């Protein structure tokens, strides 16, 4: 068997997924389980070797969004669509990736802290968990709100500095047309 870093899943024309590590057909639910276990994998078209990983992940997100309480509001999805083809698309993708990474780290820290919320038998205590979340949720929401506001303010300041720098540079060049001379 190969290591999980080299895990290869082939997608066949009949839309079936074949896990080459386990030599079995798998479902999107199985791929989701790989994601949840943070196992690395790659999905490729069995005929062309085209990388289909993103497409499969998007399918999983679509199923999750349709199945219950959606993570993305219609307004958020509309805003994301507006970034495609926009000059800010690359920056937006990087920003979202970094923000999700930071949020993942926060989640890990909370999970570490929550391990102490067990009774004497090692069973999770619903009362302690409720108390823990009642305290943690507002703190995290406030922290994320502050982070977003600081990021926005920093970006606006950076834009203003770039605008001023650009204006000062272009003032030194004789690009501006001379104003029309008054007619006599």
Foldseek 3Di string as FASTA:
>chain_A
DDALQEWEWEQEPVRWIATPVVRGTDDLVVVVVCVVVVGHYWYAHPPPRHTCVVVSVVVVLVCVCVPDPHPDDPVRVVVLVVLVVPPCVVVVVVVVVVVVVVVVVVVVVLVVVQQVQAPPVSHHDPVSVVVSCVVPVVVVVVVVVVVVVVVVVVVVVVVVVVVVVVVVVVVVDPPDDDPDDDDD
